[in-house]
Protein backbone atom coordinates (compact mmCIF):
# COMPACT_ATOMS: atom_id res chain seq x y z
CA LYS A 1 32.59 5.58 2.25
CA LEU A 2 32.07 2.03 3.39
CA GLY A 3 30.47 0.86 6.61
CA ALA A 4 31.59 -1.90 8.94
CA ASN A 5 30.28 -4.61 6.59
CA GLY A 6 31.78 -3.02 3.49
CA GLU A 7 28.43 -1.50 2.52
CA PRO A 8 28.01 2.08 1.34
CA TRP A 9 26.71 4.53 3.96
CA TYR A 10 23.35 4.87 2.22
CA THR A 11 22.50 1.14 2.28
CA PRO A 12 20.15 1.43 5.32
CA LEU A 13 18.15 4.01 3.34
CA THR A 14 17.53 1.80 0.31
CA ALA A 15 14.59 -0.57 -0.20
CA SER A 16 14.63 -4.20 0.90
CA TRP A 17 11.99 -6.91 0.57
CA ASN A 18 13.24 -8.75 3.66
CA PRO A 19 10.77 -7.93 6.49
CA LEU A 20 13.44 -8.72 9.10
CA VAL A 21 15.56 -5.82 7.92
CA TRP A 22 13.25 -3.11 9.31
CA PRO A 23 14.96 0.16 8.48
CA ARG A 24 15.26 -0.93 4.86
CA PHE A 25 11.92 -2.76 4.66
CA GLN A 26 9.94 0.46 5.15
CA PHE A 27 11.39 1.89 1.91
CA ASN A 28 9.94 -0.75 -0.43
CA PRO A 29 6.95 0.38 -2.54
CA ILE A 30 4.34 -1.61 -0.61
CA MET A 31 5.36 -0.40 2.86
CA PHE A 32 5.79 3.10 1.44
CA ARG A 33 1.99 3.09 0.90
CA ILE A 34 0.86 0.98 3.89
CA LEU A 35 2.85 2.59 6.71
CA PRO A 36 1.09 6.00 6.54
CA ILE A 37 -2.28 4.24 6.65
CA LEU A 38 -1.24 2.25 9.72
CA LEU A 39 0.06 5.38 11.41
CA ARG A 40 -3.15 7.30 10.67
CA ALA A 41 -5.12 4.48 12.26
CA ALA A 42 -2.83 4.57 15.30
CA GLU A 43 -3.27 8.34 15.52
CA PHE A 44 -7.05 7.93 15.36
CA ALA A 45 -6.91 5.34 18.15
CA ARG A 46 -4.64 7.73 20.10
CA LEU A 47 -1.89 5.12 20.30
CA VAL A 48 0.61 7.59 18.89
CA PRO A 49 0.63 11.41 19.02
CA GLN A 50 -1.08 13.45 16.32
CA GLY A 51 1.33 14.33 13.50
CA THR A 52 3.23 11.04 13.66
CA CYS A 53 2.13 10.11 10.12
CA LYS A 54 3.22 13.45 8.66
CA THR A 55 6.56 13.21 10.45
CA GLN A 56 7.16 9.68 9.17
CA VAL A 57 6.32 10.67 5.58
CA MET A 58 8.71 13.65 5.80
CA LEU A 59 11.54 11.56 7.27
CA GLN A 60 10.99 8.80 4.72
CA ALA A 61 11.18 11.32 1.85
CA GLY A 62 14.36 12.75 3.35
CA GLY A 63 15.86 9.28 3.64
CA ILE A 64 15.08 8.51 0.02
CA GLY A 65 16.63 11.81 -1.03
CA CYS A 66 19.78 11.08 0.98
CA ALA A 67 20.03 7.61 -0.51
CA ASN A 68 19.61 8.95 -4.05
CA GLY A 69 22.27 11.57 -3.36
CA GLY A 70 24.62 8.84 -2.13
CA ILE A 71 23.89 6.52 -5.05
CA THR A 72 24.60 9.25 -7.61
CA GLY A 73 27.63 10.43 -5.66
CA ALA A 74 26.21 13.94 -5.31
CA PHE A 75 27.18 14.12 -1.67
CA THR A 76 28.44 12.14 1.26
CA PRO A 77 27.65 12.66 4.94
CA MET A 78 31.36 12.76 5.73
CA PHE A 79 31.57 16.43 4.79
CA LEU A 80 29.94 18.75 7.29
CA MET A 81 30.53 22.45 7.49
CA VAL A 82 29.30 24.32 10.52
CA ALA A 83 29.51 28.07 10.18
CA ARG A 84 28.59 31.01 12.32
CA LYS A 85 27.93 34.52 11.08
CA PRO A 86 30.59 36.87 12.41
CA LEU A 87 29.37 39.47 14.86
C-alpha cells in the first residue's frame, strides 16, 4: 500500500499547490482549468498534435477517479486479473 517514502500509492494523483511537484500540481483547481486552455493554444499553434487537450482532460479525469478510489479504499492497483475467454 505504501510507496518508497511511506506515501499511499495514490499520492501522485492528488492535488498539490507546490508548482515544483508537477504531477500533483496539475490536479489543483486552478491548473485543472488553465491546462486545457494552454493545450488548446498549443494545438492551434501546431506545437502539439490535435487531440492533445482532449487526451489530457481524459487522463486527468481518470487520475482523479483512481485517486478517489484509493482514498476511499474502493480498490488498489495491486490486484490485477487478466483473463482470456476459453476457445
